[in-house]
Amino acid sequence: MRALDAAARHLSFKRAAAELGVTPTAISHQIRLLERYCGRALFRRRPRPLSLTEAGARLFPIIRGGLEAFATAIAAVKHDGDTQPLRVTMTNAFASRWLVPRLPRWRKVRPNAPLDVIGTDSVLDLHAGDADVAIRYARTLPTEYGQRILERFLLARGQS
């Protein structure tokens, strides 16, 4: 499909090949496979210059639109990943007494960074994706994953 798109836009297998980083022969083979699949010629190869047949002219805008739609959808999905909120969990008391009063400063520094504050006294499972960061106070680490957190912390600081 990309070979047909590039060849139809450039009306040249050589320029299509240069755009896609392949040889003109590779473009020609891809076009022949598509023509075989469609059961009709998509390009008039002689006399030069290259031109689209009626079937090629009908197929090209649909393929072009489809490739553009794919590119738009992929860009949107990628952009959505960039705007996922940072989900921070903490106790309600910590959120209301410490974090919330400081949020205006956060917004000044990071006006476009989405942030979800999850105030709860329950311990959320970070590994399950319930939150990205947990802020807790405790005399000891939670037993279910405390050791792993401590090991990661020490590794990050270069300690063992």
N, C-alpha and C. Protein backbone atom coordinates (compact mmCIF):
# COMPACT_ATOMS: atom_id res chain seq x y z
N MET A 1 0.82 -1.18 0.00
CA MET A 1 0.00 0.00 0.00
C MET A 1 0.87 1.26 0.00
N ARG A 2 1.93 1.23 0.84
CA ARG A 2 2.83 2.39 0.86
C ARG A 2 3.54 2.55 -0.47
N ALA A 3 3.88 1.44 -1.12
CA ALA A 3 4.54 1.51 -2.42
C ALA A 3 3.60 2.15 -3.45
N LEU A 4 2.34 1.74 -3.46
CA LEU A 4 1.38 2.32 -4.38
C LEU A 4 1.20 3.81 -4.09
N ASP A 5 1.07 4.16 -2.83
CA ASP A 5 0.89 5.56 -2.45
C ASP A 5 2.05 6.41 -2.94
N ALA A 6 3.27 5.99 -2.64
CA ALA A 6 4.45 6.79 -3.02
C ALA A 6 4.59 6.84 -4.55
N ALA A 7 4.42 5.71 -5.22
CA ALA A 7 4.56 5.68 -6.68
C ALA A 7 3.49 6.54 -7.35
N ALA A 8 2.28 6.52 -6.84
CA ALA A 8 1.20 7.32 -7.42
C ALA A 8 1.42 8.82 -7.18
N ARG A 9 1.92 9.18 -6.01
CA ARG A 9 2.18 10.60 -5.73
C ARG A 9 3.30 11.13 -6.60
N HIS A 10 4.37 10.33 -6.77
CA HIS A 10 5.55 10.78 -7.53
C HIS A 10 5.45 10.45 -9.01
N LEU A 11 4.55 9.52 -9.37
CA LEU A 11 4.49 8.96 -10.72
C LEU A 11 5.88 8.53 -11.17
N SER A 12 6.58 7.88 -10.22
CA SER A 12 7.93 7.40 -10.48
C SER A 12 8.27 6.32 -9.46
N PHE A 13 8.66 5.14 -9.95
CA PHE A 13 9.10 4.08 -9.04
C PHE A 13 10.42 4.47 -8.39
N LYS A 14 11.27 5.18 -9.14
CA LYS A 14 12.57 5.57 -8.61
C LYS A 14 12.42 6.54 -7.43
N ARG A 15 11.56 7.56 -7.59
CA ARG A 15 11.37 8.52 -6.48
C ARG A 15 10.61 7.89 -5.32
N ALA A 16 9.68 6.99 -5.62
CA ALA A 16 8.97 6.28 -4.56
C ALA A 16 9.96 5.43 -3.75
N ALA A 17 10.88 4.78 -4.46
CA ALA A 17 11.88 3.95 -3.79
C ALA A 17 12.77 4.80 -2.90
N ALA A 18 13.18 5.96 -3.39
CA ALA A 18 14.03 6.85 -2.58
C ALA A 18 13.29 7.29 -1.32
N GLU A 19 12.00 7.61 -1.44
CA GLU A 19 11.21 8.04 -0.28
C GLU A 19 11.10 6.92 0.75
N LEU A 20 10.91 5.69 0.29
CA LEU A 20 10.69 4.57 1.20
C LEU A 20 11.97 3.85 1.60
N GLY A 21 13.09 4.25 1.01
CA GLY A 21 14.36 3.65 1.38
C GLY A 21 14.53 2.22 0.86
N VAL A 22 13.99 1.95 -0.31
CA VAL A 22 14.12 0.64 -0.95
C VAL A 22 14.58 0.86 -2.39
N THR A 23 14.71 -0.22 -3.14
CA THR A 23 15.12 -0.10 -4.54
C THR A 23 13.89 0.07 -5.43
N PRO A 24 14.07 0.65 -6.62
CA PRO A 24 12.95 0.73 -7.57
C PRO A 24 12.39 -0.65 -7.92
N THR A 25 13.27 -1.64 -7.95
CA THR A 25 12.82 -3.01 -8.23
C THR A 25 11.87 -3.50 -7.14
N ALA A 26 12.16 -3.16 -5.88
CA ALA A 26 11.28 -3.55 -4.78
C ALA A 26 9.91 -2.89 -4.94
N ILE A 27 9.89 -1.63 -5.34
CA ILE A 27 8.61 -0.94 -5.58
C ILE A 27 7.85 -1.63 -6.69
N SER A 28 8.55 -1.94 -7.78
CA SER A 28 7.93 -2.61 -8.91
C SER A 28 7.32 -3.95 -8.50
N HIS A 29 8.06 -4.71 -7.70
CA HIS A 29 7.55 -6.01 -7.23
C HIS A 29 6.31 -5.84 -6.35
N GLN A 30 6.33 -4.86 -5.47
CA GLN A 30 5.17 -4.61 -4.60
C GLN A 30 3.95 -4.21 -5.43
N ILE A 31 4.16 -3.37 -6.43
CA ILE A 31 3.05 -2.95 -7.29
C ILE A 31 2.51 -4.15 -8.07
N ARG A 32 3.41 -4.98 -8.59
CA ARG A 32 2.97 -6.17 -9.35
C ARG A 32 2.15 -7.11 -8.46
N LEU A 33 2.58 -7.29 -7.20
CA LEU A 33 1.81 -8.14 -6.28
C LEU A 33 0.41 -7.56 -6.06
N LEU A 34 0.32 -6.26 -5.87
CA LEU A 34 -0.97 -5.62 -5.67
C LEU A 34 -1.83 -5.72 -6.94
N GLU A 35 -1.20 -5.54 -8.09
CA GLU A 35 -1.94 -5.67 -9.36
C GLU A 35 -2.45 -7.10 -9.54
N ARG A 36 -1.62 -8.07 -9.19
CA ARG A 36 -2.04 -9.47 -9.28
C ARG A 36 -3.22 -9.72 -8.34
N TYR A 37 -3.16 -9.17 -7.15
CA TYR A 37 -4.23 -9.35 -6.18
C TYR A 37 -5.52 -8.70 -6.69
N CYS A 38 -5.42 -7.49 -7.27
CA CYS A 38 -6.59 -6.77 -7.77
C CYS A 38 -7.09 -7.34 -9.09
N GLY A 39 -6.21 -8.02 -9.80
CA GLY A 39 -6.60 -8.58 -11.09
C GLY A 39 -6.61 -7.57 -12.21
N ARG A 40 -5.97 -6.44 -12.02
CA ARG A 40 -5.88 -5.42 -13.06
C ARG A 40 -4.65 -4.55 -12.85
N ALA A 41 -4.21 -3.94 -13.93
CA ALA A 41 -3.06 -3.04 -13.89
C ALA A 41 -3.45 -1.75 -13.16
N LEU A 42 -2.52 -1.24 -12.37
CA LEU A 42 -2.75 0.01 -11.65
C LEU A 42 -1.97 1.17 -12.26
N PHE A 43 -0.91 0.83 -13.02
CA PHE A 43 -0.07 1.84 -13.68
C PHE A 43 0.09 1.50 -15.15
N ARG A 44 0.20 2.55 -15.98
CA ARG A 44 0.63 2.40 -17.37
C ARG A 44 2.12 2.68 -17.35
N ARG A 45 2.90 1.68 -17.70
CA ARG A 45 4.35 1.81 -17.60
C ARG A 45 4.97 2.33 -18.90
N ARG A 46 4.26 2.23 -20.01
CA ARG A 46 4.80 2.69 -21.28
C ARG A 46 3.72 3.42 -22.03
N PRO A 47 3.94 4.38 -22.81
CA PRO A 47 5.19 5.11 -22.90
C PRO A 47 5.39 5.96 -21.66
N ARG A 48 6.62 6.31 -21.43
CA ARG A 48 6.92 7.13 -20.25
C ARG A 48 6.26 8.48 -20.42
N PRO A 49 5.89 9.19 -19.42
CA PRO A 49 6.08 8.94 -18.01
C PRO A 49 5.04 7.95 -17.46
N LEU A 50 5.30 7.47 -16.25
CA LEU A 50 4.41 6.56 -15.56
C LEU A 50 3.09 7.28 -15.29
N SER A 51 1.97 6.56 -15.45
CA SER A 51 0.66 7.15 -15.14
C SER A 51 -0.24 6.09 -14.54
N LEU A 52 -1.25 6.54 -13.85
CA LEU A 52 -2.21 5.62 -13.24
C LEU A 52 -3.23 5.17 -14.27
N THR A 53 -3.64 3.91 -14.19
CA THR A 53 -4.77 3.45 -15.00
C THR A 53 -6.04 3.92 -14.30
N GLU A 54 -7.19 3.63 -14.90
CA GLU A 54 -8.46 3.99 -14.27
C GLU A 54 -8.58 3.30 -12.91
N ALA A 55 -8.21 2.02 -12.84
CA ALA A 55 -8.28 1.28 -11.57
C ALA A 55 -7.33 1.90 -10.54
N GLY A 56 -6.14 2.25 -10.97
CA GLY A 56 -5.18 2.88 -10.07
C GLY A 56 -5.66 4.22 -9.57
N ALA A 57 -6.28 4.99 -10.47
CA ALA A 57 -6.79 6.30 -10.09
C ALA A 57 -7.95 6.19 -9.11
N ARG A 58 -8.74 5.11 -9.19
CA ARG A 58 -9.81 4.89 -8.22
C ARG A 58 -9.27 4.41 -6.88
N LEU A 59 -8.24 3.60 -6.91
CA LEU A 59 -7.69 3.01 -5.69
C LEU A 59 -6.79 3.98 -4.91
N PHE A 60 -6.02 4.80 -5.63
CA PHE A 60 -5.04 5.67 -4.98
C PHE A 60 -5.62 6.59 -3.90
N PRO A 61 -6.70 7.35 -4.16
CA PRO A 61 -7.19 8.26 -3.11
C PRO A 61 -7.68 7.51 -1.86
N ILE A 62 -8.21 6.32 -2.06
CA ILE A 62 -8.68 5.54 -0.91
C ILE A 62 -7.50 5.07 -0.07
N ILE A 63 -6.46 4.58 -0.73
CA ILE A 63 -5.27 4.16 0.01
C ILE A 63 -4.60 5.35 0.66
N ARG A 64 -4.52 6.46 -0.05
CA ARG A 64 -3.90 7.68 0.51
C ARG A 64 -4.67 8.12 1.77
N GLY A 65 -5.99 8.15 1.67
CA GLY A 65 -6.81 8.54 2.81
C GLY A 65 -6.65 7.57 3.97
N GLY A 66 -6.56 6.28 3.66
CA GLY A 66 -6.38 5.28 4.71
C GLY A 66 -5.05 5.43 5.43
N LEU A 67 -3.99 5.66 4.67
CA LEU A 67 -2.67 5.86 5.29
C LEU A 67 -2.65 7.12 6.14
N GLU A 68 -3.31 8.18 5.66
CA GLU A 68 -3.39 9.41 6.46
C GLU A 68 -4.20 9.18 7.72
N ALA A 69 -5.28 8.40 7.61
CA ALA A 69 -6.10 8.09 8.79
C ALA A 69 -5.30 7.29 9.81
N PHE A 70 -4.50 6.32 9.34
CA PHE A 70 -3.64 5.56 10.24
C PHE A 70 -2.65 6.48 10.95
N ALA A 71 -2.02 7.36 10.19
CA ALA A 71 -1.03 8.27 10.77
C ALA A 71 -1.68 9.19 11.81
N THR A 72 -2.87 9.67 11.51
CA THR A 72 -3.59 10.54 12.45
C THR A 72 -3.96 9.77 13.71
N ALA A 73 -4.45 8.56 13.55
CA ALA A 73 -4.85 7.75 14.70
C ALA A 73 -3.64 7.41 15.57
N ILE A 74 -2.53 7.06 14.95
CA ILE A 74 -1.32 6.73 15.71
C ILE A 74 -0.82 7.96 16.46
N ALA A 75 -0.83 9.10 15.80
CA ALA A 75 -0.40 10.34 16.47
C ALA A 75 -1.31 10.66 17.65
N ALA A 76 -2.61 10.44 17.49
CA ALA A 76 -3.55 10.71 18.58
C ALA A 76 -3.31 9.77 19.75
N VAL A 77 -3.09 8.50 19.46
CA VAL A 77 -2.81 7.54 20.53
C VAL A 77 -1.51 7.90 21.23
N LYS A 78 -0.51 8.26 20.46
CA LYS A 78 0.77 8.65 21.06
C LYS A 78 0.60 9.90 21.91
N HIS A 79 -0.16 10.87 21.40
CA HIS A 79 -0.39 12.11 22.15
C HIS A 79 -1.18 11.84 23.42
N ASP A 80 -2.16 10.93 23.35
CA ASP A 80 -2.93 10.57 24.54
C ASP A 80 -2.02 10.01 25.62
N GLY A 81 -1.03 9.24 25.22
CA GLY A 81 -0.08 8.69 26.18
C GLY A 81 0.73 9.78 26.85
N ASP A 82 0.98 10.88 26.13
CA ASP A 82 1.73 11.99 26.69
C ASP A 82 0.92 12.77 27.71
N THR A 83 -0.41 12.70 27.61
CA THR A 83 -1.24 13.52 28.48
C THR A 83 -1.91 12.71 29.59
N GLN A 84 -1.47 11.50 29.80
CA GLN A 84 -2.02 10.73 30.91
C GLN A 84 -1.67 11.44 32.20
N PRO A 85 -2.63 11.56 33.11
CA PRO A 85 -2.33 12.27 34.35
C PRO A 85 -1.38 11.48 35.25
N LEU A 86 -0.58 12.20 35.99
CA LEU A 86 0.22 11.59 37.04
C LEU A 86 -0.73 11.35 38.19
N ARG A 87 -0.88 10.09 38.59
CA ARG A 87 -1.81 9.72 39.64
C ARG A 87 -1.03 9.52 40.94
N VAL A 88 -1.26 10.42 41.88
CA VAL A 88 -0.55 10.40 43.15
C VAL A 88 -1.54 10.06 44.25
N THR A 89 -1.23 9.03 45.03
CA THR A 89 -2.09 8.66 46.15
C THR A 89 -1.41 9.02 47.47
N MET A 90 -2.22 9.46 48.39
CA MET A 90 -1.73 9.84 49.72
C MET A 90 -2.92 9.82 50.67
N THR A 91 -2.63 9.92 51.94
CA THR A 91 -3.73 9.97 52.90
C THR A 91 -4.51 11.27 52.70
N ASN A 92 -5.76 11.23 53.11
CA ASN A 92 -6.60 12.43 53.01
C ASN A 92 -6.00 13.59 53.81
N ALA A 93 -5.48 13.29 55.00
CA ALA A 93 -4.92 14.34 55.85
C ALA A 93 -3.72 15.00 55.16
N PHE A 94 -2.82 14.20 54.60
CA PHE A 94 -1.65 14.75 53.93
C PHE A 94 -2.06 15.57 52.72
N ALA A 95 -3.03 15.04 51.96
CA ALA A 95 -3.50 15.75 50.77
C ALA A 95 -4.07 17.12 51.14
N SER A 96 -4.93 17.15 52.15
CA SER A 96 -5.59 18.41 52.48
C SER A 96 -4.68 19.40 53.19
N ARG A 97 -3.78 18.90 54.03
CA ARG A 97 -2.95 19.81 54.82
C ARG A 97 -1.64 20.22 54.14
N TRP A 98 -1.10 19.35 53.29
CA TRP A 98 0.20 19.67 52.71
C TRP A 98 0.12 19.88 51.20
N LEU A 99 -0.45 18.92 50.48
CA LEU A 99 -0.40 18.98 49.01
C LEU A 99 -1.33 20.05 48.43
N VAL A 100 -2.57 20.04 48.78
CA VAL A 100 -3.54 20.96 48.18
C VAL A 100 -3.10 22.42 48.31
N PRO A 101 -2.60 22.87 49.48
CA PRO A 101 -2.14 24.27 49.54
C PRO A 101 -0.98 24.58 48.59
N ARG A 102 -0.25 23.57 48.15
CA ARG A 102 0.90 23.78 47.26
C ARG A 102 0.56 23.59 45.77
N LEU A 103 -0.64 23.14 45.48
CA LEU A 103 -1.01 22.90 44.08
C LEU A 103 -0.94 24.14 43.20
N PRO A 104 -1.27 25.34 43.67
CA PRO A 104 -1.13 26.51 42.79
C PRO A 104 0.31 26.70 42.29
N ARG A 105 1.29 26.41 43.14
CA ARG A 105 2.69 26.51 42.69
C ARG A 105 2.99 25.45 41.63
N TRP A 106 2.46 24.24 41.80
CA TRP A 106 2.63 23.17 40.81
C TRP A 106 2.05 23.62 39.47
N ARG A 107 0.87 24.21 39.49
CA ARG A 107 0.21 24.65 38.27
C ARG A 107 0.98 25.77 37.57
N LYS A 108 1.65 26.62 38.32
CA LYS A 108 2.47 27.67 37.70
C LYS A 108 3.66 27.07 36.97
N VAL A 109 4.28 26.08 37.56
CA VAL A 109 5.47 25.46 36.96
C VAL A 109 5.09 24.48 35.86
N ARG A 110 4.01 23.75 36.05
CA ARG A 110 3.58 22.73 35.09
C ARG A 110 2.10 22.94 34.72
N PRO A 111 1.78 24.01 33.99
CA PRO A 111 0.37 24.32 33.72
C PRO A 111 -0.34 23.27 32.87
N ASN A 112 0.40 22.54 32.05
CA ASN A 112 -0.24 21.57 31.16
C ASN A 112 -0.08 20.13 31.62
N ALA A 113 0.51 19.93 32.79
CA ALA A 113 0.73 18.57 33.28
C ALA A 113 -0.49 18.11 34.08
N PRO A 114 -1.22 17.13 33.56
CA PRO A 114 -2.39 16.66 34.28
C PRO A 114 -1.99 15.90 35.55
N LEU A 115 -2.73 16.12 36.62
CA LEU A 115 -2.42 15.52 37.91
C LEU A 115 -3.71 15.05 38.55
N ASP A 116 -3.74 13.81 38.99
CA ASP A 116 -4.86 13.27 39.75
C ASP A 116 -4.36 12.99 41.16
N VAL A 117 -4.98 13.61 42.13
CA VAL A 117 -4.66 13.39 43.53
C VAL A 117 -5.69 12.41 44.07
N ILE A 118 -5.22 11.29 44.58
CA ILE A 118 -6.10 10.26 45.12
C ILE A 118 -5.92 10.24 46.63
N GLY A 119 -6.82 10.89 47.31
CA GLY A 119 -6.76 10.92 48.76
C GLY A 119 -7.49 9.72 49.33
N THR A 120 -6.75 8.83 49.98
CA THR A 120 -7.35 7.64 50.58
C THR A 120 -6.44 7.11 51.67
N ASP A 121 -7.04 6.54 52.68
CA ASP A 121 -6.24 5.93 53.74
C ASP A 121 -5.91 4.48 53.39
N SER A 122 -6.51 3.96 52.32
CA SER A 122 -6.20 2.60 51.87
C SER A 122 -4.89 2.61 51.10
N VAL A 123 -4.17 1.51 51.18
CA VAL A 123 -2.93 1.37 50.41
C VAL A 123 -3.31 0.84 49.03
N LEU A 124 -3.01 1.61 47.99
CA LEU A 124 -3.30 1.19 46.62
C LEU A 124 -2.13 0.40 46.07
N ASP A 125 -2.43 -0.49 45.13
CA ASP A 125 -1.41 -1.34 44.53
C ASP A 125 -0.80 -0.63 43.31
N LEU A 126 0.42 -0.13 43.47
CA LEU A 126 1.10 0.56 42.38
C LEU A 126 1.39 -0.39 41.22
N HIS A 127 1.71 -1.63 41.53
CA HIS A 127 2.04 -2.60 40.48
C HIS A 127 0.83 -2.94 39.63
N ALA A 128 -0.37 -2.83 40.19
CA ALA A 128 -1.59 -3.10 39.42
C ALA A 128 -2.04 -1.87 38.63
N GLY A 129 -1.35 -0.73 38.82
CA GLY A 129 -1.69 0.46 38.07
C GLY A 129 -2.74 1.33 38.73
N ASP A 130 -3.03 1.09 40.01
CA ASP A 130 -4.02 1.91 40.70
C ASP A 130 -3.57 3.36 40.85
N ALA A 131 -2.27 3.58 40.90
CA ALA A 131 -1.68 4.92 41.00
C ALA A 131 -0.24 4.83 40.50
N ASP A 132 0.34 5.99 40.24
CA ASP A 132 1.74 6.03 39.78
C ASP A 132 2.71 6.23 40.93
N VAL A 133 2.31 7.03 41.91
CA VAL A 133 3.17 7.37 43.04
C VAL A 133 2.33 7.30 44.31
N ALA A 134 2.92 6.77 45.37
CA ALA A 134 2.24 6.74 46.66
C ALA A 134 3.09 7.49 47.68
N ILE A 135 2.43 8.37 48.41
CA ILE A 135 3.10 9.08 49.50
C ILE A 135 2.42 8.61 50.79
N ARG A 136 3.20 7.98 51.65
CA ARG A 136 2.67 7.43 52.88
C ARG A 136 3.66 7.69 54.01
N TYR A 137 3.15 7.74 55.20
CA TYR A 137 4.02 7.78 56.36
C TYR A 137 3.76 6.52 57.17
N ALA A 138 4.83 5.94 57.64
CA ALA A 138 4.70 4.70 58.42
C ALA A 138 6.00 4.47 59.17
N ARG A 139 5.91 3.74 60.24
CA ARG A 139 7.11 3.38 60.99
C ARG A 139 7.86 2.25 60.29
N THR A 140 7.12 1.41 59.56
CA THR A 140 7.74 0.32 58.78
C THR A 140 7.09 0.30 57.40
N LEU A 141 7.80 -0.29 56.46
CA LEU A 141 7.26 -0.41 55.10
C LEU A 141 6.17 -1.47 55.08
N PRO A 142 5.15 -1.30 54.23
CA PRO A 142 4.14 -2.35 54.11
C PRO A 142 4.80 -3.66 53.72
N THR A 143 4.41 -4.74 54.37
CA THR A 143 5.09 -6.02 54.17
C THR A 143 4.91 -6.60 52.78
N GLU A 144 3.77 -6.37 52.12
CA GLU A 144 3.52 -7.04 50.84
C GLU A 144 4.49 -6.62 49.74
N TYR A 145 4.99 -5.39 49.74
CA TYR A 145 5.96 -5.00 48.73
C TYR A 145 7.00 -4.05 49.26
N GLY A 146 7.06 -3.89 50.54
CA GLY A 146 8.01 -2.97 51.15
C GLY A 146 9.46 -3.30 50.85
N GLN A 147 9.80 -4.58 50.88
CA GLN A 147 11.19 -4.97 50.62
C GLN A 147 11.61 -4.60 49.21
N ARG A 148 10.73 -4.82 48.23
CA ARG A 148 11.07 -4.47 46.84
C ARG A 148 11.27 -2.97 46.69
N ILE A 149 10.42 -2.19 47.35
CA ILE A 149 10.55 -0.73 47.27
C ILE A 149 11.87 -0.29 47.88
N LEU A 150 12.20 -0.85 49.03
CA LEU A 150 13.45 -0.50 49.68
C LEU A 150 14.65 -0.87 48.81
N GLU A 151 14.61 -2.05 48.20
CA GLU A 151 15.71 -2.48 47.32
C GLU A 151 15.85 -1.53 46.13
N ARG A 152 14.74 -1.13 45.51
CA ARG A 152 14.80 -0.19 44.38
C ARG A 152 15.35 1.16 44.80
N PHE A 153 14.91 1.61 45.96
CA PHE A 153 15.39 2.89 46.49
C PHE A 153 16.89 2.85 46.71
N LEU A 154 17.37 1.78 47.33
CA LEU A 154 18.81 1.66 47.60
C LEU A 154 19.60 1.51 46.30
N LEU A 155 19.07 0.77 45.33
CA LEU A 155 19.75 0.64 44.04
C LEU A 155 19.84 1.99 43.35
N ALA A 156 18.77 2.75 43.39
CA ALA A 156 18.77 4.07 42.73
C ALA A 156 19.80 4.99 43.35
N ARG A 157 20.06 4.83 44.65
CA ARG A 157 21.03 5.68 45.35
C ARG A 157 22.43 5.09 45.28
N GLY A 158 22.59 3.92 44.61
CA GLY A 158 23.90 3.31 44.48
C GLY A 158 24.35 2.58 45.73
N GLN A 159 23.40 2.23 46.58
CA GLN A 159 23.72 1.50 47.81
C GLN A 159 23.22 0.07 47.66
N SER A 160 23.75 -0.82 48.48
CA SER A 160 23.25 -2.19 48.41
C SER A 160 22.80 -2.67 49.76
